Amino acid sequence: MENSWEEKKKSFNFFQRFLMIIVIPTTFALIVVVLLLIASGADVAEKGKEVLNAIPFLNEEKRTTDKLLENNKNTISSLQTKLKERDDLIKTLETQLENSENRVQSANSDKEKLQSELNSLQSAQAETKKALAEIVKTYDTMSPKNAAAILSEMSENEALKILAELKPAKLASILEKMEPAVASKYTELLSDKATVNP
């Protein structure tokens, strides 16, 4: 039996002996001291920080970490400012885009309205031309004497429109039947109209 104890004793290596003789008792003693300090009302956490700050390489590591944290905070703050500026710019551009879209819609609406008015004017103009063509056809079939008498009683503009559309031979025979002053006036008006609209 003594032999087996000696074998077990010899089988412990240096590391195991170090743990059993130094580390475990020291750890136990530290735990007991900390518990006694806490029970006595001492601020163990603050004292622990002071002790850790007194250790040179830990203190330097803490300063480096603090600098890194401060730099990171500054970088984050800078990036957040840039992000806010970009968000504001995006909102401004979205507002401008919305305003532009509204203006385009308004312009399209105005264009459609103007196109509708143009179509109705063109339709009215076509009807007027058709009616004028019918009137001209009527005067073309009428005797020059009767046509001259009717045209002399009309307003200048209406008579001029009809005379301008007549064939030259029919126009000449109607102007022959008019009083010379009236025929002269319409000849002059027709000449002016031909000069303006070649």
Protein backbone atom coordinates (compact mmCIF):
# COMPACT_ATOMS: atom_id res chain seq x y z
CA MET A 1 0.00 0.00 0.00
CA GLU A 2 2.81 2.36 0.73
CA ASN A 3 4.12 1.50 -2.64
CA SER A 4 0.99 2.69 -4.44
CA TRP A 5 1.09 5.96 -2.47
CA GLU A 6 4.66 6.49 -3.50
CA GLU A 7 3.74 5.77 -7.10
CA LYS A 8 0.89 8.29 -6.98
CA LYS A 9 3.17 10.81 -5.34
CA LYS A 10 5.79 10.34 -8.00
CA SER A 11 3.24 10.48 -10.82
CA PHE A 12 2.38 14.16 -10.04
CA ASN A 13 4.28 16.36 -12.40
CA PHE A 14 5.51 19.87 -11.76
CA PHE A 15 2.41 21.62 -13.17
CA GLN A 16 0.06 19.58 -10.99
CA ARG A 17 2.11 20.32 -7.92
CA PHE A 18 2.19 24.03 -8.78
CA LEU A 19 -1.62 24.07 -9.05
CA MET A 20 -2.16 22.20 -5.79
CA ILE A 21 0.39 24.05 -3.70
CA ILE A 22 0.22 27.66 -5.02
CA VAL A 23 -2.72 28.45 -7.37
CA ILE A 24 -5.64 26.76 -5.57
CA PRO A 25 -4.78 28.00 -2.05
CA THR A 26 -4.04 31.52 -3.36
CA THR A 27 -7.33 31.66 -5.24
CA PHE A 28 -9.20 30.44 -2.17
CA ALA A 29 -7.46 33.05 0.01
CA LEU A 30 -8.34 35.83 -2.47
CA ILE A 31 -12.01 34.79 -2.52
CA VAL A 32 -12.13 34.78 1.30
CA VAL A 33 -10.46 38.23 1.46
CA VAL A 34 -12.87 39.69 -1.13
CA LEU A 35 -15.87 38.27 0.74
CA LEU A 36 -14.59 39.73 4.03
CA LEU A 37 -14.04 43.13 2.40
CA ILE A 38 -17.54 43.11 0.91
CA ALA A 39 -18.99 42.14 4.27
CA SER A 40 -17.10 45.00 5.94
CA GLY A 41 -18.60 47.50 3.44
CA ALA A 42 -15.49 48.28 1.35
CA ASP A 43 -15.97 49.15 -2.36
CA VAL A 44 -14.15 46.18 -3.82
CA ALA A 45 -15.02 47.01 -7.45
CA GLU A 46 -13.51 50.51 -7.24
CA LYS A 47 -10.40 49.22 -5.48
CA GLY A 48 -10.09 46.50 -8.13
CA LYS A 49 -10.16 49.14 -10.86
CA GLU A 50 -7.46 51.13 -9.07
CA VAL A 51 -5.28 48.04 -8.76
CA LEU A 52 -5.80 47.17 -12.43
CA ASN A 53 -4.97 50.75 -13.46
CA ALA A 54 -1.77 50.55 -11.46
CA ILE A 55 -0.54 47.61 -13.52
CA PRO A 56 1.59 49.23 -16.30
CA PHE A 57 0.78 47.15 -19.38
CA LEU A 58 -2.96 47.02 -18.54
CA ASN A 59 -3.03 50.80 -18.06
CA GLU A 60 -1.39 51.36 -21.47
CA GLU A 61 -3.81 48.89 -23.07
CA LYS A 62 -6.73 50.75 -21.48
CA ARG A 63 -5.49 54.11 -22.83
CA THR A 64 -5.11 52.60 -26.30
CA THR A 65 -8.58 51.11 -26.09
CA ASP A 66 -10.01 54.44 -24.85
CA LYS A 67 -8.37 56.26 -27.76
CA LEU A 68 -9.77 53.71 -30.20
CA LEU A 69 -13.22 54.08 -28.63
CA GLU A 70 -13.02 57.89 -28.85
CA ASN A 71 -11.88 57.71 -32.48
CA ASN A 72 -14.68 55.28 -33.28
CA LYS A 73 -17.23 57.55 -31.56
CA ASN A 74 -15.95 60.53 -33.57
CA THR A 75 -16.08 58.50 -36.80
CA ILE A 76 -19.61 57.30 -36.00
CA SER A 77 -20.70 60.84 -35.20
CA SER A 78 -19.19 62.12 -38.45
CA LEU A 79 -20.85 59.35 -40.46
CA GLN A 80 -24.18 60.01 -38.76
CA THR A 81 -23.90 63.72 -39.66
CA LYS A 82 -23.11 62.83 -43.28
CA LEU A 83 -25.99 60.36 -43.33
CA LYS A 84 -28.38 63.02 -41.99
CA GLU A 85 -27.14 65.50 -44.64
CA ARG A 86 -27.67 62.89 -47.36
CA ASP A 87 -31.14 62.09 -46.02
CA ASP A 88 -31.98 65.81 -46.08
CA LEU A 89 -30.64 66.07 -49.64
CA ILE A 90 -32.68 63.04 -50.68
CA LYS A 91 -35.83 64.56 -49.15
CA THR A 92 -35.15 67.85 -50.96
CA LEU A 93 -34.60 66.06 -54.26
CA GLU A 94 -37.74 63.97 -53.75
CA THR A 95 -39.71 67.18 -53.12
CA GLN A 96 -38.25 68.78 -56.26
CA LEU A 97 -39.04 65.63 -58.26
CA GLU A 98 -42.62 65.62 -56.95
CA ASN A 99 -42.99 69.31 -57.85
CA SER A 100 -41.58 68.63 -61.32
CA GLU A 101 -43.98 65.73 -61.79
CA ASN A 102 -46.87 67.99 -60.73
CA ARG A 103 -45.75 70.66 -63.20
CA VAL A 104 -45.47 68.04 -65.97
CA GLN A 105 -48.96 66.75 -65.16
CA SER A 106 -50.29 70.32 -65.17
CA ALA A 107 -48.53 71.03 -68.48
CA ASN A 108 -49.93 67.79 -69.96
CA SER A 109 -53.40 68.76 -68.76
CA ASP A 110 -53.01 72.22 -70.31
CA LYS A 111 -51.71 70.62 -73.51
CA GLU A 112 -54.71 68.29 -73.68
CA LYS A 113 -57.07 71.22 -73.08
CA LEU A 114 -55.36 73.31 -75.77
CA GLN A 115 -55.37 70.33 -78.15
CA SER A 116 -59.10 69.91 -77.53
CA GLU A 117 -59.67 73.62 -78.21
CA LEU A 118 -57.52 73.41 -81.35
CA ASN A 119 -59.50 70.39 -82.57
CA SER A 120 -62.80 72.20 -81.99
CA LEU A 121 -61.45 75.32 -83.74
CA GLN A 122 -60.24 73.22 -86.67
CA SER A 123 -63.60 71.51 -86.81
CA ALA A 124 -65.39 74.89 -86.73
CA GLN A 125 -63.01 76.20 -89.40
CA ALA A 126 -63.70 73.17 -91.59
CA GLU A 127 -67.44 73.70 -91.16
CA THR A 128 -67.03 77.42 -91.98
CA LYS A 129 -65.01 76.57 -95.09
CA LYS A 130 -67.64 74.03 -96.11
CA ALA A 131 -70.42 76.59 -95.56
CA LEU A 132 -68.42 79.24 -97.45
CA ALA A 133 -67.88 76.78 -100.30
CA GLU A 134 -71.64 76.15 -100.41
CA ILE A 135 -72.33 79.92 -100.45
CA VAL A 136 -69.71 80.46 -103.16
CA LYS A 137 -71.30 77.64 -105.18
CA THR A 138 -74.67 79.36 -104.79
CA TYR A 139 -73.28 82.71 -105.97
CA ASP A 140 -71.52 80.92 -108.81
CA THR A 141 -74.86 79.61 -110.11
CA MET A 142 -76.64 82.93 -109.54
CA SER A 143 -76.94 85.58 -112.26
CA PRO A 144 -74.22 88.26 -112.02
CA LYS A 145 -76.82 91.03 -111.66
CA ASN A 146 -78.55 89.40 -108.65
CA ALA A 147 -75.20 88.43 -107.06
CA ALA A 148 -73.93 92.01 -107.44
CA ALA A 149 -77.08 93.43 -105.82
CA ILE A 150 -76.87 91.03 -102.82
CA LEU A 151 -73.11 91.47 -102.30
CA SER A 152 -73.45 95.27 -102.37
CA GLU A 153 -75.82 95.06 -99.38
CA MET A 154 -73.57 92.73 -97.32
CA SER A 155 -70.84 93.76 -94.88
CA GLU A 156 -67.44 94.29 -96.46
CA ASN A 157 -65.84 91.30 -94.74
CA GLU A 158 -68.53 88.83 -95.72
CA ALA A 159 -68.72 90.08 -99.31
CA LEU A 160 -64.92 90.04 -99.57
CA LYS A 161 -64.77 86.39 -98.37
CA ILE A 162 -67.27 85.33 -101.03
CA LEU A 163 -65.68 87.39 -103.83
CA ALA A 164 -62.22 86.02 -103.00
CA GLU A 165 -63.42 82.44 -103.52
CA LEU A 166 -65.17 83.03 -106.88
CA LYS A 167 -63.59 82.03 -110.18
CA PRO A 168 -62.03 85.02 -112.02
CA ALA A 169 -64.60 84.94 -114.89
CA LYS A 170 -67.57 84.92 -112.48
CA LEU A 171 -65.92 87.64 -110.31
CA ALA A 172 -65.45 89.89 -113.35
CA SER A 173 -69.09 89.53 -114.43
CA ILE A 174 -70.35 90.32 -110.88
CA LEU A 175 -68.06 93.36 -110.51
CA GLU A 176 -69.38 94.63 -113.92
CA LYS A 177 -72.91 94.67 -112.54
CA MET A 178 -71.97 96.61 -109.35
CA GLU A 179 -71.90 100.39 -109.11
CA PRO A 180 -68.44 101.65 -110.10
CA ALA A 181 -67.59 102.97 -106.60
CA VAL A 182 -68.53 99.67 -104.95
CA ALA A 183 -66.74 97.61 -107.61
CA SER A 184 -63.66 99.81 -107.20
CA LYS A 185 -63.70 99.35 -103.41
CA TYR A 186 -63.96 95.53 -103.65
CA THR A 187 -61.29 95.40 -106.38
CA GLU A 188 -58.93 97.35 -104.11
CA LEU A 189 -59.75 95.12 -101.10
CA LEU A 190 -59.22 91.96 -103.18
CA SER A 191 -55.89 93.35 -104.41
CA ASP A 192 -54.76 94.11 -100.83
CA LYS A 193 -55.82 90.63 -99.69
CA ALA A 194 -53.93 89.00 -102.57
CA THR A 195 -50.81 90.99 -101.61
CA VAL A 196 -51.03 89.99 -97.94
CA ASN A 197 -51.81 86.31 -98.72
CA PRO A 198 -49.90 85.45 -101.92
